[in-house]
Each structure stands twice: as C-alpha cells, then as structure tokens.
PDB file of all heavy atoms in Angstrom:
ATOM      1  N   PRO A   1     -20.843  19.129   6.916  1.00  0.00           N
ATOM      2  CA  PRO A   1     -19.656  18.687   7.665  1.00  0.00           C
ATOM      3  C   PRO A   1     -18.370  18.919   6.879  1.00  0.00           C
ATOM      4  O   PRO A   1     -18.360  18.864   5.649  1.00  0.00           O
ATOM      5  CB  PRO A   1     -19.903  17.197   7.887  1.00  0.00           C
ATOM      6  CG  PRO A   1     -20.866  16.800   6.826  1.00  0.00           C
ATOM      7  CD  PRO A   1     -21.677  18.004   6.490  1.00  0.00           C
ATOM      8  N   VAL A   2     -17.292  19.176   7.617  1.00  0.00           N
ATOM      9  CA  VAL A   2     -15.971  19.386   7.028  1.00  0.00           C
ATOM     10  C   VAL A   2     -14.997  18.443   7.734  1.00  0.00           C
ATOM     11  O   VAL A   2     -14.990  18.366   8.961  1.00  0.00           O
ATOM     12  CB  VAL A   2     -15.507  20.854   7.202  1.00  0.00           C
ATOM     13  CG1 VAL A   2     -14.114  21.053   6.645  1.00  0.00           C
ATOM     14  CG2 VAL A   2     -16.496  21.809   6.555  1.00  0.00           C
ATOM     15  N   ALA A   3     -14.187  17.730   6.964  1.00  0.00           N
ATOM     16  CA  ALA A   3     -13.218  16.802   7.552  1.00  0.00           C
ATOM     17  C   ALA A   3     -11.957  16.770   6.710  1.00  0.00           C
ATOM     18  O   ALA A   3     -11.956  17.126   5.535  1.00  0.00           O
ATOM     19  CB  ALA A   3     -13.810  15.397   7.643  1.00  0.00           C
ATOM     20  N   ARG A   4     -10.872  16.347   7.330  1.00  0.00           N
ATOM     21  CA  ARG A   4      -9.608  16.127   6.625  1.00  0.00           C
ATOM     22  C   ARG A   4      -9.533  14.638   6.317  1.00  0.00           C
ATOM     23  O   ARG A   4      -9.604  13.801   7.220  1.00  0.00           O
ATOM     24  CB  ARG A   4      -8.432  16.524   7.494  1.00  0.00           C
ATOM     25  CG  ARG A   4      -7.087  16.257   6.811  1.00  0.00           C
ATOM     26  CD  ARG A   4      -5.907  16.662   7.689  1.00  0.00           C
ATOM     27  NE  ARG A   4      -5.986  18.083   7.973  1.00  0.00           N
ATOM     28  CZ  ARG A   4      -5.810  18.604   9.183  1.00  0.00           C
ATOM     29  NH1 ARG A   4      -5.557  17.835  10.214  1.00  0.00           N
ATOM     30  NH2 ARG A   4      -5.887  19.902   9.374  1.00  0.00           N
ATOM     31  N   ILE A   5      -9.394  14.316   5.045  1.00  0.00           N
ATOM     32  CA  ILE A   5      -9.352  12.934   4.593  1.00  0.00           C
ATOM     33  C   ILE A   5      -7.982  12.661   3.983  1.00  0.00           C
ATOM     34  O   ILE A   5      -7.456  13.487   3.252  1.00  0.00           O
ATOM     35  CB  ILE A   5     -10.432  12.669   3.509  1.00  0.00           C
ATOM     36  CG1 ILE A   5     -11.805  13.174   3.954  1.00  0.00           C
ATOM     37  CG2 ILE A   5     -10.468  11.219   3.114  1.00  0.00           C
ATOM     38  CD1 ILE A   5     -12.378  12.475   5.125  1.00  0.00           C
ATOM     39  N   GLY A   6      -7.421  11.513   4.280  1.00  0.00           N
ATOM     40  CA  GLY A   6      -6.148  11.147   3.676  1.00  0.00           C
ATOM     41  C   GLY A   6      -6.048   9.648   3.508  1.00  0.00           C
ATOM     42  O   GLY A   6      -6.643   8.881   4.264  1.00  0.00           O
ATOM     43  N   PHE A   7      -5.348   9.255   2.476  1.00  0.00           N
ATOM     44  CA  PHE A   7      -5.081   7.830   2.323  1.00  0.00           C
ATOM     45  C   PHE A   7      -3.743   7.649   1.644  1.00  0.00           C
ATOM     46  O   PHE A   7      -3.251   8.511   0.937  1.00  0.00           O
ATOM     47  CB  PHE A   7      -6.210   7.105   1.587  1.00  0.00           C
ATOM     48  CG  PHE A   7      -6.429   7.517   0.153  1.00  0.00           C
ATOM     49  CD1 PHE A   7      -5.866   6.802  -0.884  1.00  0.00           C
ATOM     50  CD2 PHE A   7      -7.228   8.597  -0.152  1.00  0.00           C
ATOM     51  CE1 PHE A   7      -6.080   7.166  -2.190  1.00  0.00           C
ATOM     52  CE2 PHE A   7      -7.457   8.969  -1.454  1.00  0.00           C
ATOM     53  CZ  PHE A   7      -6.877   8.255  -2.483  1.00  0.00           C
ATOM     54  N   ALA A   8      -3.149   6.521   1.935  1.00  0.00           N
ATOM     55  CA  ALA A   8      -1.840   6.185   1.374  1.00  0.00           C
ATOM     56  C   ALA A   8      -1.817   4.693   1.085  1.00  0.00           C
ATOM     57  O   ALA A   8      -2.483   3.913   1.750  1.00  0.00           O
ATOM     58  CB  ALA A   8      -0.731   6.544   2.348  1.00  0.00           C
ATOM     59  N   PHE A   9      -1.070   4.344   0.089  1.00  0.00           N
ATOM     60  CA  PHE A   9      -0.964   2.941  -0.249  1.00  0.00           C
ATOM     61  C   PHE A   9       0.343   2.706  -0.975  1.00  0.00           C
ATOM     62  O   PHE A   9       0.987   3.628  -1.460  1.00  0.00           O
ATOM     63  CB  PHE A   9      -2.150   2.479  -1.105  1.00  0.00           C
ATOM     64  CG  PHE A   9      -2.354   3.283  -2.343  1.00  0.00           C
ATOM     65  CD1 PHE A   9      -1.769   2.914  -3.540  1.00  0.00           C
ATOM     66  CD2 PHE A   9      -3.114   4.429  -2.314  1.00  0.00           C
ATOM     67  CE1 PHE A   9      -1.947   3.671  -4.673  1.00  0.00           C
ATOM     68  CE2 PHE A   9      -3.304   5.195  -3.442  1.00  0.00           C
ATOM     69  CZ  PHE A   9      -2.715   4.813  -4.628  1.00  0.00           C
ATOM     70  N   GLY A  10       0.729   1.462  -1.020  1.00  0.00           N
ATOM     71  CA  GLY A  10       1.952   1.089  -1.712  1.00  0.00           C
ATOM     72  C   GLY A  10       1.935  -0.393  -2.017  1.00  0.00           C
ATOM     73  O   GLY A  10       1.158  -1.153  -1.463  1.00  0.00           O
ATOM     74  N   GLY A  11       2.767  -0.766  -2.903  1.00  0.00           N
ATOM     75  CA  GLY A  11       2.845  -2.172  -3.279  1.00  0.00           C
ATOM     76  C   GLY A  11       4.028  -2.405  -4.189  1.00  0.00           C
ATOM     77  O   GLY A  11       4.687  -1.475  -4.646  1.00  0.00           O
ATOM     78  N   GLY A  12       4.275  -3.627  -4.436  1.00  0.00           N
ATOM     79  CA  GLY A  12       5.377  -3.953  -5.326  1.00  0.00           C
ATOM     80  C   GLY A  12       5.444  -5.429  -5.613  1.00  0.00           C
ATOM     81  O   GLY A  12       4.781  -6.241  -4.976  1.00  0.00           O
ATOM     82  N   THR A  13       6.212  -5.742  -6.604  1.00  0.00           N
ATOM     83  CA  THR A  13       6.439  -7.132  -6.967  1.00  0.00           C
ATOM     84  C   THR A  13       7.935  -7.336  -7.151  1.00  0.00           C
ATOM     85  O   THR A  13       8.696  -6.388  -7.348  1.00  0.00           O
ATOM     86  CB  THR A  13       5.716  -7.505  -8.270  1.00  0.00           C
ATOM     87  OG1 THR A  13       6.217  -6.706  -9.332  1.00  0.00           O
ATOM     88  CG2 THR A  13       4.218  -7.313  -8.135  1.00  0.00           C
ATOM     89  N   GLY A  14       8.335  -8.553  -7.109  1.00  0.00           N
ATOM     90  CA  GLY A  14       9.746  -8.866  -7.301  1.00  0.00           C
ATOM     91  C   GLY A  14       9.922 -10.249  -7.876  1.00  0.00           C
ATOM     92  O   GLY A  14       9.012 -11.077  -7.850  1.00  0.00           O
ATOM     93  N   ARG A  15      11.093 -10.465  -8.408  1.00  0.00           N
ATOM     94  CA  ARG A  15      11.396 -11.745  -9.020  1.00  0.00           C
ATOM     95  C   ARG A  15      12.823 -12.112  -8.697  1.00  0.00           C
ATOM     96  O   ARG A  15      13.711 -11.264  -8.738  1.00  0.00           O
ATOM     97  CB  ARG A  15      11.210 -11.612 -10.532  1.00  0.00           C
ATOM     98  CG  ARG A  15      11.093 -12.921 -11.237  1.00  0.00           C
ATOM     99  CD  ARG A  15      10.854 -12.646 -12.671  1.00  0.00           C
ATOM    100  NE  ARG A  15      12.174 -12.352 -13.225  1.00  0.00           N
ATOM    101  CZ  ARG A  15      12.468 -12.339 -14.490  1.00  0.00           C
ATOM    102  NH1 ARG A  15      11.534 -12.523 -15.370  1.00  0.00           N
ATOM    103  NH2 ARG A  15      13.666 -12.108 -14.902  1.00  0.00           N
ATOM    104  N   GLU A  16      13.023 -13.346  -8.355  1.00  0.00           N
ATOM    105  CA  GLU A  16      14.361 -13.846  -8.074  1.00  0.00           C
ATOM    106  C   GLU A  16      14.675 -14.941  -9.082  1.00  0.00           C
ATOM    107  O   GLU A  16      13.920 -15.898  -9.240  1.00  0.00           O
ATOM    108  CB  GLU A  16      14.445 -14.421  -6.657  1.00  0.00           C
ATOM    109  CG  GLU A  16      15.805 -14.989  -6.341  1.00  0.00           C
ATOM    110  CD  GLU A  16      15.855 -15.635  -4.960  1.00  0.00           C
ATOM    111  OE1 GLU A  16      14.798 -15.771  -4.334  1.00  0.00           O
ATOM    112  OE2 GLU A  16      16.947 -16.018  -4.554  1.00  0.00           O
ATOM    113  N   VAL A  17      15.775 -14.753  -9.779  1.00  0.00           N
ATOM    114  CA  VAL A  17      16.212 -15.768 -10.729  1.00  0.00           C
ATOM    115  C   VAL A  17      17.591 -16.214 -10.269  1.00  0.00           C
ATOM    116  O   VAL A  17      18.536 -15.449 -10.266  1.00  0.00           O
ATOM    117  CB  VAL A  17      16.271 -15.207 -12.169  1.00  0.00           C
ATOM    118  CG1 VAL A  17      16.766 -16.264 -13.120  1.00  0.00           C
ATOM    119  CG2 VAL A  17      14.926 -14.682 -12.592  1.00  0.00           C
ATOM    120  N   ASN A  18      17.664 -17.444  -9.875  1.00  0.00           N
ATOM    121  CA  ASN A  18      18.900 -18.020  -9.375  1.00  0.00           C
ATOM    122  C   ASN A  18      19.122 -19.330 -10.129  1.00  0.00           C
ATOM    123  O   ASN A  18      18.199 -19.871 -10.736  1.00  0.00           O
ATOM    124  CB  ASN A  18      18.745 -18.270  -7.872  1.00  0.00           C
ATOM    125  CG  ASN A  18      20.072 -18.377  -7.165  1.00  0.00           C
ATOM    126  OD1 ASN A  18      21.105 -18.590  -7.788  1.00  0.00           O
ATOM    127  ND2 ASN A  18      20.033 -18.225  -5.846  1.00  0.00           N
ATOM    128  N   THR A  19      20.302 -19.838 -10.098  1.00  0.00           N
ATOM    129  CA  THR A  19      20.561 -21.089 -10.799  1.00  0.00           C
ATOM    130  C   THR A  19      19.785 -22.254 -10.194  1.00  0.00           C
ATOM    131  O   THR A  19      19.388 -23.170 -10.891  1.00  0.00           O
ATOM    132  CB  THR A  19      22.067 -21.416 -10.776  1.00  0.00           C
ATOM    133  OG1 THR A  19      22.506 -21.435  -9.427  1.00  0.00           O
ATOM    134  CG2 THR A  19      22.845 -20.392 -11.563  1.00  0.00           C
ATOM    135  N   SER A  20      19.529 -22.175  -8.893  1.00  0.00           N
ATOM    136  CA  SER A  20      18.831 -23.287  -8.255  1.00  0.00           C
ATOM    137  C   SER A  20      17.317 -23.099  -8.167  1.00  0.00           C
ATOM    138  O   SER A  20      16.591 -24.061  -8.017  1.00  0.00           O
ATOM    139  CB  SER A  20      19.395 -23.516  -6.850  1.00  0.00           C
ATOM    140  OG  SER A  20      19.179 -22.367  -6.061  1.00  0.00           O
ATOM    141  N   ARG A  21      16.852 -21.857  -8.265  1.00  0.00           N
ATOM    142  CA  ARG A  21      15.410 -21.646  -8.133  1.00  0.00           C
ATOM    143  C   ARG A  21      14.993 -20.344  -8.815  1.00  0.00           C
ATOM    144  O   ARG A  21      15.787 -19.443  -9.023  1.00  0.00           O
ATOM    145  CB  ARG A  21      15.006 -21.619  -6.677  1.00  0.00           C
ATOM    146  CG  ARG A  21      15.656 -20.503  -5.918  1.00  0.00           C
ATOM    147  CD  ARG A  21      15.275 -20.520  -4.467  1.00  0.00           C
ATOM    148  NE  ARG A  21      16.082 -19.489  -3.800  1.00  0.00           N
ATOM    149  CZ  ARG A  21      16.124 -19.295  -2.550  1.00  0.00           C
ATOM    150  NH1 ARG A  21      15.438 -20.076  -1.769  1.00  0.00           N
ATOM    151  NH2 ARG A  21      16.845 -18.340  -2.027  1.00  0.00           N
ATOM    152  N   ILE A  22      13.724 -20.281  -9.107  1.00  0.00           N
ATOM    153  CA  ILE A  22      13.110 -19.076  -9.674  1.00  0.00           C
ATOM    154  C   ILE A  22      11.872 -18.798  -8.840  1.00  0.00           C
ATOM    155  O   ILE A  22      11.075 -19.680  -8.578  1.00  0.00           O
ATOM    156  CB  ILE A  22      12.710 -19.281 -11.152  1.00  0.00           C
ATOM    157  CG1 ILE A  22      13.961 -19.541 -11.997  1.00  0.00           C
ATOM    158  CG2 ILE A  22      11.953 -18.069 -11.674  1.00  0.00           C
ATOM    159  CD1 ILE A  22      13.658 -19.844 -13.447  1.00  0.00           C
ATOM    160  N   GLY A  23      11.710 -17.549  -8.415  1.00  0.00           N
ATOM    161  CA  GLY A  23      10.554 -17.220  -7.591  1.00  0.00           C
ATOM    162  C   GLY A  23      10.034 -15.824  -7.887  1.00  0.00           C
ATOM    163  O   GLY A  23      10.761 -14.963  -8.348  1.00  0.00           O
ATOM    164  N   GLU A  24       8.772 -15.644  -7.636  1.00  0.00           N
ATOM    165  CA  GLU A  24       8.139 -14.346  -7.795  1.00  0.00           C
ATOM    166  C   GLU A  24       7.316 -14.061  -6.557  1.00  0.00           C
ATOM    167  O   GLU A  24       6.857 -14.976  -5.874  1.00  0.00           O
ATOM    168  CB  GLU A  24       7.217 -14.327  -9.013  1.00  0.00           C
ATOM    169  CG  GLU A  24       7.941 -14.433 -10.333  1.00  0.00           C
ATOM    170  CD  GLU A  24       6.996 -14.300 -11.511  1.00  0.00           C
ATOM    171  OE1 GLU A  24       5.809 -14.007 -11.307  1.00  0.00           O
ATOM    172  OE2 GLU A  24       7.454 -14.495 -12.627  1.00  0.00           O
ATOM    173  N   GLY A  25       7.114 -12.797  -6.284  1.00  0.00           N
ATOM    174  CA  GLY A  25       6.281 -12.428  -5.153  1.00  0.00           C
ATOM    175  C   GLY A  25       5.843 -10.993  -5.264  1.00  0.00           C
ATOM    176  O   GLY A  25       6.358 -10.228  -6.064  1.00  0.00           O
ATOM    177  N   GLY A  26       4.890 -10.661  -4.474  1.00  0.00           N
ATOM    178  CA  GLY A  26       4.399  -9.290  -4.484  1.00  0.00           C
ATOM    179  C   GLY A  26       3.544  -9.047  -3.271  1.00  0.00           C
ATOM    180  O   GLY A  26       3.166  -9.965  -2.557  1.00  0.00           O
ATOM    181  N   GLY A  27       3.278  -7.797  -3.049  1.00  0.00           N
ATOM    182  CA  GLY A  27       2.434  -7.455  -1.916  1.00  0.00           C
ATOM    183  C   GLY A  27       2.062  -5.996  -1.962  1.00  0.00           C
ATOM    184  O   GLY A  27       2.602  -5.227  -2.736  1.00  0.00           O
ATOM    185  N   GLY A  28       1.141  -5.654  -1.140  1.00  0.00           N
ATOM    186  CA  GLY A  28       0.709  -4.267  -1.090  1.00  0.00           C
ATOM    187  C   GLY A  28      -0.158  -4.037   0.114  1.00  0.00           C
ATOM    188  O   GLY A  28      -0.561  -4.967   0.804  1.00  0.00           O
ATOM    189  N   GLY A  29      -0.409  -2.795   0.363  1.00  0.00           N
ATOM    190  CA  GLY A  29      -1.267  -2.449   1.481  1.00  0.00           C
ATOM    191  C   GLY A  29      -1.557  -0.963   1.475  1.00  0.00           C
ATOM    192  O   GLY A  29      -1.005  -0.213   0.684  1.00  0.00           O
ATOM    193  N   GLY A  30      -2.416  -0.574   2.342  1.00  0.00           N
ATOM    194  CA  GLY A  30      -2.762   0.841   2.403  1.00  0.00           C
ATOM    195  C   GLY A  30      -3.614   1.135   3.612  1.00  0.00           C
ATOM    196  O   GLY A  30      -3.961   0.240   4.377  1.00  0.00           O
ATOM    197  N   GLY A  31      -3.917   2.385   3.758  1.00  0.00           N
ATOM    198  CA  GLY A  31      -4.756   2.796   4.868  1.00  0.00           C
ATOM    199  C   GLY A  31      -5.420   4.120   4.567  1.00  0.00           C
ATOM    200  O   GLY A  31      -4.990   4.858   3.692  1.00  0.00           O
ATOM    201  N   ALA A  32      -6.473   4.386   5.279  1.00  0.00           N
ATOM    202  CA  ALA A  32      -7.203   5.635   5.111  1.00  0.00           C
ATOM    203  C   ALA A  32      -7.532   6.199   6.481  1.00  0.00           C
ATOM    204  O   ALA A  32      -7.663   5.463   7.458  1.00  0.00           O
ATOM    205  CB  ALA A  32      -8.489   5.402   4.328  1.00  0.00           C
ATOM    206  N   GLY A  33      -7.634   7.502   6.541  1.00  0.00           N
ATOM    207  CA  GLY A  33      -7.987   8.145   7.795  1.00  0.00           C
ATOM    208  C   GLY A  33      -8.829   9.377   7.536  1.00  0.00           C
ATOM    209  O   GLY A  33      -8.724  10.004   6.487  1.00  0.00           O
ATOM    210  N   ALA A  34      -9.671   9.699   8.481  1.00  0.00           N
ATOM    211  CA  ALA A  34     -10.507  10.879   8.376  1.00  0.00           C
ATOM    212  C   ALA A  34     -10.607  11.524   9.751  1.00  0.00           C
ATOM    213  O   ALA A  34     -10.773  10.840  10.756  1.00  0.00           O
ATOM    214  CB  ALA A  34     -11.888  10.499   7.864  1.00  0.00           C
ATOM    215  N   GLN A  35     -10.475  12.843   9.778  1.00  0.00           N
ATOM    216  CA  GLN A  35     -10.537  13.573  11.032  1.00  0.00           C
ATOM    217  C   GLN A  35     -11.559  14.694  10.901  1.00  0.00           C
ATOM    218  O   GLN A  35     -11.454  15.537  10.009  1.00  0.00           O
ATOM    219  CB  GLN A  35      -9.167  14.158  11.344  1.00  0.00           C
ATOM    220  CG  GLN A  35      -9.141  15.015  12.577  1.00  0.00           C
ATOM    221  CD  GLN A  35      -7.790  15.684  12.781  1.00  0.00           C
ATOM    222  OE1 GLN A  35      -6.948  15.674  11.905  1.00  0.00           O
ATOM    223  NE2 GLN A  35      -7.606  16.261  13.946  1.00  0.00           N
ATOM    224  N   PRO A  36     -12.546  14.748  11.772  1.00  0.00           N
ATOM    225  CA  PRO A  36     -13.517  15.838  11.703  1.00  0.00           C
ATOM    226  C   PRO A  36     -12.852  17.166  12.065  1.00  0.00           C
ATOM    227  O   PRO A  36     -12.086  17.238  13.019  1.00  0.00           O
ATOM    228  CB  PRO A  36     -14.577  15.446  12.731  1.00  0.00           C
ATOM    229  CG  PRO A  36     -13.931  14.455  13.619  1.00  0.00           C
ATOM    230  CD  PRO A  36     -12.828  13.801  12.834  1.00  0.00           C
ATOM    231  N   LEU A  37     -13.118  18.204  11.286  1.00  0.00           N
ATOM    232  CA  LEU A  37     -12.538  19.514  11.542  1.00  0.00           C
ATOM    233  C   LEU A  37     -13.568  20.539  12.004  1.00  0.00           C
ATOM    234  O   LEU A  37     -13.248  21.429  12.779  1.00  0.00           O
ATOM    235  CB  LEU A  37     -11.856  20.046  10.278  1.00  0.00           C
ATOM    236  CG  LEU A  37     -10.657  19.257   9.781  1.00  0.00           C
ATOM    237  CD1 LEU A  37     -10.118  19.870   8.507  1.00  0.00           C
ATOM    238  CD2 LEU A  37      -9.574  19.184  10.834  1.00  0.00           C
ATOM    239  N   GLY A  38     -14.794  20.425  11.492  1.00  0.00           N
ATOM    240  CA  GLY A  38     -15.809  21.403  11.841  1.00  0.00           C
ATOM    241  C   GLY A  38     -17.021  21.247  10.942  1.00  0.00           C
ATOM    242  O   GLY A  38     -17.238  20.187  10.359  1.00  0.00           O
ATOM    243  N   PHE A  39     -17.777  22.338  10.819  1.00  0.00           N
ATOM    244  CA  PHE A  39     -18.935  22.305   9.934  1.00  0.00           C
ATOM    245  C   PHE A  39     -19.216  23.712   9.434  1.00  0.00           C
ATOM    246  O   PHE A  39     -18.804  24.704  10.029  1.00  0.00           O
ATOM    247  CB  PHE A  39     -20.161  21.712  10.636  1.00  0.00           C
ATOM    248  CG  PHE A  39     -20.575  22.441  11.883  1.00  0.00           C
ATOM    249  CD1 PHE A  39     -21.530  23.447  11.834  1.00  0.00           C
ATOM    250  CD2 PHE A  39     -20.025  22.109  13.109  1.00  0.00           C
ATOM    251  CE1 PHE A  39     -21.910  24.116  12.976  1.00  0.00           C
ATOM    252  CE2 PHE A  39     -20.405  22.774  14.262  1.00  0.00           C
ATOM    253  CZ  PHE A  39     -21.355  23.785  14.205  1.00  0.00           C
TER     254      PHE A  39
END
C-alpha cells in the first residue's frame, strides 16, 4: 500500500508577571492525517 501521511502540531507556554498577580500557562495540540494514494 501507498499513502500520503502528514501531521502537524504546536504548543507554547507563557507567563504573566504583574504587580497584582503572577500566572503561568501553556497548551498544545496536533493532528494527523492519512490519505490512500494507491498500491
């Protein structure tokens, strides 16, 4: 079998420093796909 395969992903983190509060956060995600082309 022959197929086209692809995937992508991304993510990041951040930080907020303020006089009244300090916070951190982050996130990420991704996906994959495959398409049959032939054999």
